[in-house]
């Protein structure tokens, strides 16, 4: 038997998530049920949750304050990514 549950959601997050779920052929309720079943099966959150380290926190703060930022083209980004790939 299905049960109705009321939860408070950020409206923007809900809308964006619903659009993604629609592309996957899922309703919000079906997606929540998938998540809850994974929690039950794994006995925990079904994805890794980490506390950001100091370097990551500083980078996030810099980004929010528009500090230490540089412009880069998509092509430059692709080239930098290629250099990071171990062959």
PDB file of N, CA and C in Angstrom:
ATOM      1  N   UNK A   1       0.830  -1.181   0.000  1.00  0.00           N
ATOM      2  CA  UNK A   1       0.000   0.000   0.000  1.00  0.00           C
ATOM      3  C   UNK A   1       0.883   1.255   0.000  1.00  0.00           C
ATOM      4  N   UNK A   2       0.609   2.178  -0.892  1.00  0.00           N
ATOM      5  CA  UNK A   2       1.355   3.434  -0.974  1.00  0.00           C
ATOM      6  C   UNK A   2       0.917   4.375   0.133  1.00  0.00           C
ATOM      7  N   UNK A   3       1.846   5.187   0.604  1.00  0.00           N
ATOM      8  CA  UNK A   3       1.567   6.129   1.672  1.00  0.00           C
ATOM      9  C   UNK A   3       1.979   7.524   1.218  1.00  0.00           C
ATOM     10  N   UNK A   4       1.198   8.520   1.553  1.00  0.00           N
ATOM     11  CA  UNK A   4       1.516   9.898   1.227  1.00  0.00           C
ATOM     12  C   UNK A   4       2.387  10.479   2.325  1.00  0.00           C
ATOM     13  N   UNK A   5       3.463  11.163   1.925  1.00  0.00           N
ATOM     14  CA  UNK A   5       4.372  11.804   2.865  1.00  0.00           C
ATOM     15  C   UNK A   5       4.575  13.240   2.431  1.00  0.00           C
ATOM     16  N   UNK A   6       4.604  14.144   3.372  1.00  0.00           N
ATOM     17  CA  UNK A   6       4.820  15.559   3.082  1.00  0.00           C
ATOM     18  C   UNK A   6       6.247  15.934   3.461  1.00  0.00           C
ATOM     19  N   UNK A   7       6.977  16.539   2.508  1.00  0.00           N
ATOM     20  CA  UNK A   7       8.338  17.006   2.786  1.00  0.00           C
ATOM     21  C   UNK A   7       8.501  18.416   2.245  1.00  0.00           C
ATOM     22  N   UNK A   8       9.377  19.187   2.861  1.00  0.00           N
ATOM     23  CA  UNK A   8       9.650  20.549   2.407  1.00  0.00           C
ATOM     24  C   UNK A   8      10.848  20.512   1.473  1.00  0.00           C
ATOM     25  N   UNK A   9      10.696  21.089   0.288  1.00  0.00           N
ATOM     26  CA  UNK A   9      11.755  21.090  -0.722  1.00  0.00           C
ATOM     27  C   UNK A   9      12.012  22.506  -1.204  1.00  0.00           C
ATOM     28  N   UNK A  10      13.249  22.757  -1.587  1.00  0.00           N
ATOM     29  CA  UNK A  10      13.570  24.015  -2.263  1.00  0.00           C
ATOM     30  C   UNK A  10      12.873  23.976  -3.609  1.00  0.00           C
ATOM     31  N   UNK A  11      12.032  24.966  -3.937  1.00  0.00           N
ATOM     32  CA  UNK A  11      11.262  24.903  -5.180  1.00  0.00           C
ATOM     33  C   UNK A  11      12.111  24.835  -6.448  1.00  0.00           C
ATOM     34  N   UNK A  12      13.246  25.524  -6.464  1.00  0.00           N
ATOM     35  CA  UNK A  12      14.112  25.498  -7.644  1.00  0.00           C
ATOM     36  C   UNK A  12      14.742  24.119  -7.810  1.00  0.00           C
ATOM     37  N   UNK A  13      15.239  23.564  -6.722  1.00  0.00           N
ATOM     38  CA  UNK A  13      15.852  22.235  -6.764  1.00  0.00           C
ATOM     39  C   UNK A  13      14.813  21.210  -7.197  1.00  0.00           C
ATOM     40  N   UNK A  14      13.613  21.315  -6.651  1.00  0.00           N
ATOM     41  CA  UNK A  14      12.539  20.379  -6.998  1.00  0.00           C
ATOM     42  C   UNK A  14      12.237  20.440  -8.490  1.00  0.00           C
ATOM     43  N   UNK A  15      12.079  21.650  -9.019  1.00  0.00           N
ATOM     44  CA  UNK A  15      11.745  21.813 -10.439  1.00  0.00           C
ATOM     45  C   UNK A  15      12.841  21.252 -11.345  1.00  0.00           C
ATOM     46  N   UNK A  16      14.095  21.587 -11.029  1.00  0.00           N
ATOM     47  CA  UNK A  16      15.205  21.100 -11.849  1.00  0.00           C
ATOM     48  C   UNK A  16      15.312  19.575 -11.780  1.00  0.00           C
ATOM     49  N   UNK A  17      15.120  19.034 -10.588  1.00  0.00           N
ATOM     50  CA  UNK A  17      15.171  17.580 -10.438  1.00  0.00           C
ATOM     51  C   UNK A  17      14.032  16.916 -11.205  1.00  0.00           C
ATOM     52  N   UNK A  18      12.832  17.490 -11.135  1.00  0.00           N
ATOM     53  CA  UNK A  18      11.695  16.919 -11.856  1.00  0.00           C
ATOM     54  C   UNK A  18      11.939  16.906 -13.364  1.00  0.00           C
ATOM     55  N   UNK A  19      12.588  17.935 -13.878  1.00  0.00           N
ATOM     56  CA  UNK A  19      12.899  17.981 -15.307  1.00  0.00           C
ATOM     57  C   UNK A  19      13.862  16.852 -15.682  1.00  0.00           C
ATOM     58  N   UNK A  20      14.844  16.604 -14.834  1.00  0.00           N
ATOM     59  CA  UNK A  20      15.795  15.511 -15.083  1.00  0.00           C
ATOM     60  C   UNK A  20      15.084  14.168 -14.984  1.00  0.00           C
ATOM     61  N   UNK A  21      14.279  13.994 -13.941  1.00  0.00           N
ATOM     62  CA  UNK A  21      13.546  12.736 -13.780  1.00  0.00           C
ATOM     63  C   UNK A  21      12.626  12.480 -14.968  1.00  0.00           C
ATOM     64  N   UNK A  22      11.995  13.540 -15.480  1.00  0.00           N
ATOM     65  CA  UNK A  22      11.111  13.385 -16.646  1.00  0.00           C
ATOM     66  C   UNK A  22      11.890  12.844 -17.839  1.00  0.00           C
ATOM     67  N   UNK A  23      13.110  13.317 -18.024  1.00  0.00           N
ATOM     68  CA  UNK A  23      13.944  12.820 -19.120  1.00  0.00           C
ATOM     69  C   UNK A  23      14.275  11.347 -18.928  1.00  0.00           C
ATOM     70  N   UNK A  24      14.298  10.919 -17.669  1.00  0.00           N
ATOM     71  CA  UNK A  24      14.570   9.521 -17.360  1.00  0.00           C
ATOM     72  C   UNK A  24      13.299   8.679 -17.303  1.00  0.00           C
ATOM     73  N   UNK A  25      12.161   9.335 -17.524  1.00  0.00           N
ATOM     74  CA  UNK A  25      10.888   8.622 -17.490  1.00  0.00           C
ATOM     75  C   UNK A  25      10.406   8.338 -16.082  1.00  0.00           C
ATOM     76  N   UNK A  26      10.825   9.149 -15.129  1.00  0.00           N
ATOM     77  CA  UNK A  26      10.453   8.962 -13.730  1.00  0.00           C
ATOM     78  C   UNK A  26       9.680  10.152 -13.191  1.00  0.00           C
ATOM     79  N   UNK A  27       8.802   9.879 -12.245  1.00  0.00           N
ATOM     80  CA  UNK A  27       8.169  10.956 -11.491  1.00  0.00           C
ATOM     81  C   UNK A  27       9.040  11.246 -10.275  1.00  0.00           C
ATOM     82  N   UNK A  28       8.755  12.359  -9.609  1.00  0.00           N
ATOM     83  CA  UNK A  28       9.479  12.688  -8.390  1.00  0.00           C
ATOM     84  C   UNK A  28       9.278  11.589  -7.348  1.00  0.00           C
ATOM     85  N   UNK A  29       8.050  11.125  -7.217  1.00  0.00           N
ATOM     86  CA  UNK A  29       7.760  10.059  -6.256  1.00  0.00           C
ATOM     87  C   UNK A  29       8.523   8.783  -6.550  1.00  0.00           C
ATOM     88  N   UNK A  30       8.602   8.411  -7.821  1.00  0.00           N
ATOM     89  CA  UNK A  30       9.356   7.200  -8.195  1.00  0.00           C
ATOM     90  C   UNK A  30      10.845   7.368  -7.881  1.00  0.00           C
ATOM     91  N   UNK A  31      11.373   8.556  -8.156  1.00  0.00           N
ATOM     92  CA  UNK A  31      12.786   8.810  -7.875  1.00  0.00           C
ATOM     93  C   UNK A  31      13.060   8.763  -6.374  1.00  0.00           C
ATOM     94  N   UNK A  32      12.166   9.324  -5.581  1.00  0.00           N
ATOM     95  CA  UNK A  32      12.332   9.279  -4.126  1.00  0.00           C
ATOM     96  C   UNK A  32      12.275   7.833  -3.650  1.00  0.00           C
ATOM     97  N   UNK A  33      11.363   7.043  -4.195  1.00  0.00           N
ATOM     98  CA  UNK A  33      11.277   5.627  -3.817  1.00  0.00           C
ATOM     99  C   UNK A  33      12.557   4.872  -4.179  1.00  0.00           C
ATOM    100  N   UNK A  34      13.151   5.184  -5.327  1.00  0.00           N
ATOM    101  CA  UNK A  34      14.421   4.558  -5.709  1.00  0.00           C
ATOM    102  C   UNK A  34      15.494   4.920  -4.687  1.00  0.00           C
ATOM    103  N   UNK A  35      15.566   6.197  -4.340  1.00  0.00           N
ATOM    104  CA  UNK A  35      16.543   6.650  -3.358  1.00  0.00           C
ATOM    105  C   UNK A  35      16.336   5.932  -2.021  1.00  0.00           C
ATOM    106  N   UNK A  36      15.107   5.897  -1.535  1.00  0.00           N
ATOM    107  CA  UNK A  36      14.827   5.277  -0.242  1.00  0.00           C
ATOM    108  C   UNK A  36      15.125   3.779  -0.256  1.00  0.00           C
ATOM    109  N   UNK A  37      14.840   3.114  -1.370  1.00  0.00           N
ATOM    110  CA  UNK A  37      15.171   1.691  -1.471  1.00  0.00           C
ATOM    111  C   UNK A  37      16.677   1.471  -1.445  1.00  0.00           C
ATOM    112  N   UNK A  38      17.431   2.356  -2.079  1.00  0.00           N
ATOM    113  CA  UNK A  38      18.890   2.241  -2.043  1.00  0.00           C
ATOM    114  C   UNK A  38      19.418   2.480  -0.630  1.00  0.00           C
ATOM    115  N   UNK A  39      18.826   3.423   0.093  1.00  0.00           N
ATOM    116  CA  UNK A  39      19.205   3.654   1.487  1.00  0.00           C
ATOM    117  C   UNK A  39      18.964   2.382   2.290  1.00  0.00           C
ATOM    118  N   UNK A  40      17.809   1.778   2.086  1.00  0.00           N
ATOM    119  CA  UNK A  40      17.449   0.566   2.813  1.00  0.00           C
ATOM    120  C   UNK A  40      18.400  -0.579   2.478  1.00  0.00           C
ATOM    121  N   UNK A  41      18.697  -0.766   1.184  1.00  0.00           N
ATOM    122  CA  UNK A  41      19.563  -1.860   0.763  1.00  0.00           C
ATOM    123  C   UNK A  41      21.002  -1.681   1.220  1.00  0.00           C
ATOM    124  N   UNK A  42      21.489  -0.462   1.181  1.00  0.00           N
ATOM    125  CA  UNK A  42      22.887  -0.183   1.533  1.00  0.00           C
ATOM    126  C   UNK A  42      23.081   0.149   3.001  1.00  0.00           C
ATOM    127  N   UNK A  43      21.969   0.317   3.692  1.00  0.00           N
ATOM    128  CA  UNK A  43      22.016   0.692   5.120  1.00  0.00           C
ATOM    129  C   UNK A  43      22.736   2.026   5.320  1.00  0.00           C
ATOM    130  N   UNK A  44      22.502   2.959   4.405  1.00  0.00           N
ATOM    131  CA  UNK A  44      23.117   4.278   4.492  1.00  0.00           C
ATOM    132  C   UNK A  44      22.835   5.073   3.234  1.00  0.00           C
ATOM    133  N   UNK A  45      23.399   6.256   3.179  1.00  0.00           N
ATOM    134  CA  UNK A  45      23.246   7.121   2.007  1.00  0.00           C
ATOM    135  C   UNK A  45      23.916   6.423   0.821  1.00  0.00           C
ATOM    136  N   UNK A  46      23.235   6.339  -0.333  1.00  0.00           N
ATOM    137  CA  UNK A  46      23.774   5.568  -1.461  1.00  0.00           C
ATOM    138  C   UNK A  46      24.806   6.303  -2.320  1.00  0.00           C
ATOM    139  N   UNK A  47      25.436   7.297  -1.752  1.00  0.00           N
ATOM    140  CA  UNK A  47      26.524   7.988  -2.438  1.00  0.00           C
ATOM    141  C   UNK A  47      27.426   8.585  -1.373  1.00  0.00           C
ATOM    142  N   UNK A  48      28.643   8.899  -1.766  1.00  0.00           N
ATOM    143  CA  UNK A  48      29.626   9.402  -0.822  1.00  0.00           C
ATOM    144  C   UNK A  48      29.335  10.852  -0.452  1.00  0.00           C
ATOM    145  N   UNK A  49      29.414  11.144   0.825  1.00  0.00           N
ATOM    146  CA  UNK A  49      29.259  12.514   1.318  1.00  0.00           C
ATOM    147  C   UNK A  49      30.527  12.845   2.081  1.00  0.00           C
ATOM    148  N   UNK A  50      31.185  13.930   1.685  1.00  0.00           N
ATOM    149  CA  UNK A  50      32.443  14.308   2.310  1.00  0.00           C
ATOM    150  C   UNK A  50      32.381  15.726   2.848  1.00  0.00           C
ATOM    151  N   UNK A  51      33.129  15.966   3.889  1.00  0.00           N
ATOM    152  CA  UNK A  51      33.325  17.324   4.379  1.00  0.00           C
ATOM    153  C   UNK A  51      34.486  17.886   3.564  1.00  0.00           C
ATOM    154  N   UNK A  52      34.277  19.019   2.896  1.00  0.00           N
ATOM    155  CA  UNK A  52      35.361  19.563   2.060  1.00  0.00           C
ATOM    156  C   UNK A  52      36.606  19.873   2.883  1.00  0.00           C
ATOM    157  N   UNK A  53      37.775  19.611   2.266  1.00  0.00           N
ATOM    158  CA  UNK A  53      39.023  19.943   2.950  1.00  0.00           C
ATOM    159  C   UNK A  53      39.285  21.446   2.836  1.00  0.00           C
ATOM    160  N   UNK A  54      40.329  21.909   3.509  1.00  0.00           N
ATOM    161  CA  UNK A  54      40.629  23.347   3.557  1.00  0.00           C
ATOM    162  C   UNK A  54      40.821  23.940   2.156  1.00  0.00           C
ATOM    163  N   UNK A  55      41.528  23.220   1.298  1.00  0.00           N
ATOM    164  CA  UNK A  55      41.798  23.712  -0.064  1.00  0.00           C
ATOM    165  C   UNK A  55      40.495  23.877  -0.850  1.00  0.00           C
ATOM    166  N   UNK A  56      39.607  22.908  -0.734  1.00  0.00           N
ATOM    167  CA  UNK A  56      38.330  22.983  -1.438  1.00  0.00           C
ATOM    168  C   UNK A  56      37.482  24.128  -0.903  1.00  0.00           C
ATOM    169  N   UNK A  57      37.437  24.280   0.422  1.00  0.00           N
ATOM    170  CA  UNK A  57      36.672  25.380   1.021  1.00  0.00           C
ATOM    171  C   UNK A  57      37.200  26.738   0.555  1.00  0.00           C
ATOM    172  N   UNK A  58      38.527  26.882   0.510  1.00  0.00           N
ATOM    173  CA  UNK A  58      39.119  28.136   0.039  1.00  0.00           C
ATOM    174  C   UNK A  58      38.762  28.387  -1.423  1.00  0.00           C
ATOM    175  N   UNK A  59      38.794  27.351  -2.247  1.00  0.00           N
ATOM    176  CA  UNK A  59      38.441  27.500  -3.662  1.00  0.00           C
ATOM    177  C   UNK A  59      36.980  27.915  -3.816  1.00  0.00           C
ATOM    178  N   UNK A  60      36.100  27.329  -3.017  1.00  0.00           N
ATOM    179  CA  UNK A  60      34.684  27.702  -3.068  1.00  0.00           C
ATOM    180  C   UNK A  60      34.482  29.149  -2.636  1.00  0.00           C
ATOM    181  N   UNK A  61      35.182  29.550  -1.577  1.00  0.00           N
ATOM    182  CA  UNK A  61      35.093  30.939  -1.116  1.00  0.00           C
ATOM    183  C   UNK A  61      35.621  31.893  -2.181  1.00  0.00           C
ATOM    184  N   UNK A  62      36.747  31.552  -2.816  1.00  0.00           N
ATOM    185  CA  UNK A  62      37.300  32.376  -3.888  1.00  0.00           C
ATOM    186  C   UNK A  62      36.303  32.514  -5.029  1.00  0.00           C
ATOM    187  N   UNK A  63      35.676  31.426  -5.387  1.00  0.00           N
ATOM    188  CA  UNK A  63      34.708  31.443  -6.482  1.00  0.00           C
ATOM    189  C   UNK A  63      33.529  32.354  -6.149  1.00  0.00           C
ATOM    190  N   UNK A  64      32.997  32.217  -4.947  1.00  0.00           N
ATOM    191  CA  UNK A  64      31.858  33.046  -4.538  1.00  0.00           C
ATOM    192  C   UNK A  64      32.221  34.522  -4.490  1.00  0.00           C
ATOM    193  N   UNK A  65      33.484  34.839  -4.129  1.00  0.00           N
ATOM    194  CA  UNK A  65      33.944  36.226  -4.039  1.00  0.00           C
ATOM    195  C   UNK A  65      34.577  36.714  -5.339  1.00  0.00           C
ATOM    196  N   UNK A  66      34.602  35.848  -6.354  1.00  0.00           N
ATOM    197  CA  UNK A  66      35.213  36.173  -7.647  1.00  0.00           C
ATOM    198  C   UNK A  66      36.690  36.559  -7.498  1.00  0.00           C
ATOM    199  N   UNK A  67      37.408  35.822  -6.622  1.00  0.00           N
ATOM    200  CA  UNK A  67      38.843  36.027  -6.407  1.00  0.00           C
ATOM    201  C   UNK A  67      39.611  34.897  -7.069  1.00  0.00           C
ATOM    202  N   UNK A  68      40.823  35.209  -7.498  1.00  0.00           N
ATOM    203  CA  UNK A  68      41.732  34.209  -8.064  1.00  0.00           C
ATOM    204  C   UNK A  68      41.099  33.439  -9.223  1.00  0.00           C
ATOM    205  N   UNK A  69      40.290  34.126  -9.983  1.00  0.00           N
ATOM    206  CA  UNK A  69      39.598  33.505 -11.109  1.00  0.00           C
ATOM    207  C   UNK A  69      40.273  33.944 -12.409  1.00  0.00           C
ATOM    208  N   UNK A  70      40.254  33.073 -13.407  1.00  0.00           N
ATOM    209  CA  UNK A  70      40.769  33.440 -14.720  1.00  0.00           C
ATOM    210  C   UNK A  70      39.812  32.922 -15.778  1.00  0.00           C
ATOM    211  N   UNK A  71      39.759  33.643 -16.882  1.00  0.00           N
ATOM    212  CA  UNK A  71      38.931  33.211 -18.004  1.00  0.00           C
ATOM    213  C   UNK A  71      39.663  32.119 -18.765  1.00  0.00           C
ATOM    214  N   UNK A  72      38.891  31.174 -19.249  1.00  0.00           N
ATOM    215  CA  UNK A  72      39.468  30.082 -20.029  1.00  0.00           C
ATOM    216  C   UNK A  72      38.441  29.665 -21.071  1.00  0.00           C
ATOM    217  N   UNK A  73      38.915  29.361 -22.262  1.00  0.00           N
ATOM    218  CA  UNK A  73      37.999  28.902 -23.307  1.00  0.00           C
ATOM    219  C   UNK A  73      37.746  27.407 -23.125  1.00  0.00           C
ATOM    220  N   UNK A  74      36.723  26.933 -23.767  1.00  0.00           N
ATOM    221  CA  UNK A  74      36.415  25.515 -23.712  1.00  0.00           C
ATOM    222  C   UNK A  74      37.565  24.700 -24.300  1.00  0.00           C
ATOM    223  N   UNK A  75      38.154  25.200 -25.365  1.00  0.00           N
ATOM    224  CA  UNK A  75      39.268  24.506 -26.003  1.00  0.00           C
ATOM    225  C   UNK A  75      40.471  24.425 -25.052  1.00  0.00           C
ATOM    226  N   UNK A  76      40.748  25.512 -24.324  1.00  0.00           N
ATOM    227  CA  UNK A  76      41.844  25.500 -23.359  1.00  0.00           C
ATOM    228  C   UNK A  76      41.559  24.497 -22.247  1.00  0.00           C
ATOM    229  N   UNK A  77      40.326  24.446 -21.807  1.00  0.00           N
ATOM    230  CA  UNK A  77      39.943  23.490 -20.773  1.00  0.00           C
ATOM    231  C   UNK A  77      40.142  22.056 -21.261  1.00  0.00           C
ATOM    232  N   UNK A  78      39.730  21.795 -22.496  1.00  0.00           N
ATOM    233  CA  UNK A  78      39.917  20.457 -23.062  1.00  0.00           C
ATOM    234  C   UNK A  78      41.396  20.085 -23.100  1.00  0.00           C
ATOM    235  N   UNK A  79      42.233  21.039 -23.492  1.00  0.00           N
ATOM    236  CA  UNK A  79      43.676  20.777 -23.571  1.00  0.00           C
ATOM    237  C   UNK A  79      44.253  20.498 -22.187  1.00  0.00           C
ATOM    238  N   UNK A  80      43.827  21.273 -21.193  1.00  0.00           N
ATOM    239  CA  UNK A  80      44.303  21.029 -19.829  1.00  0.00           C
ATOM    240  C   UNK A  80      43.853  19.662 -19.335  1.00  0.00           C
ATOM    241  N   UNK A  81      42.651  19.274 -19.681  1.00  0.00           N
ATOM    242  CA  UNK A  81      42.136  17.969 -19.255  1.00  0.00           C
ATOM    243  C   UNK A  81      42.931  16.845 -19.919  1.00  0.00           C
ATOM    244  N   UNK A  82      43.270  17.011 -21.190  1.00  0.00           N
ATOM    245  CA  UNK A  82      44.056  15.993 -21.892  1.00  0.00           C
ATOM    246  C   UNK A  82      45.409  15.803 -21.226  1.00  0.00           C
ATOM    247  N   UNK A  83      45.994  16.888 -20.736  1.00  0.00           N
ATOM    248  CA  UNK A  83      47.299  16.816 -20.080  1.00  0.00           C
ATOM    249  C   UNK A  83      47.218  16.084 -18.746  1.00  0.00           C
ATOM    250  N   UNK A  84      46.035  16.044 -18.147  1.00  0.00           N
ATOM    251  CA  UNK A  84      45.845  15.372 -16.848  1.00  0.00           C
ATOM    252  C   UNK A  84      45.627  13.869 -16.995  1.00  0.00           C
ATOM    253  N   UNK A  85      45.276  13.426 -18.192  1.00  0.00           N
ATOM    254  CA  UNK A  85      44.998  12.012 -18.411  1.00  0.00           C
ATOM    255  C   UNK A  85      46.304  11.242 -18.488  1.00  0.00           C
ATOM    256  N   UNK A  86      46.410  10.220 -17.668  1.00  0.00           N
ATOM    257  CA  UNK A  86      47.596   9.369 -17.661  1.00  0.00           C
ATOM    258  C   UNK A  86      47.491   8.375 -18.801  1.00  0.00           C
ATOM    259  N   UNK A  87      48.515   8.340 -19.624  1.00  0.00           N
ATOM    260  CA  UNK A  87      48.488   7.422 -20.778  1.00  0.00           C
ATOM    261  C   UNK A  87      49.312   6.219 -20.497  1.00  0.00           C
TER     262      UNK A  87
END
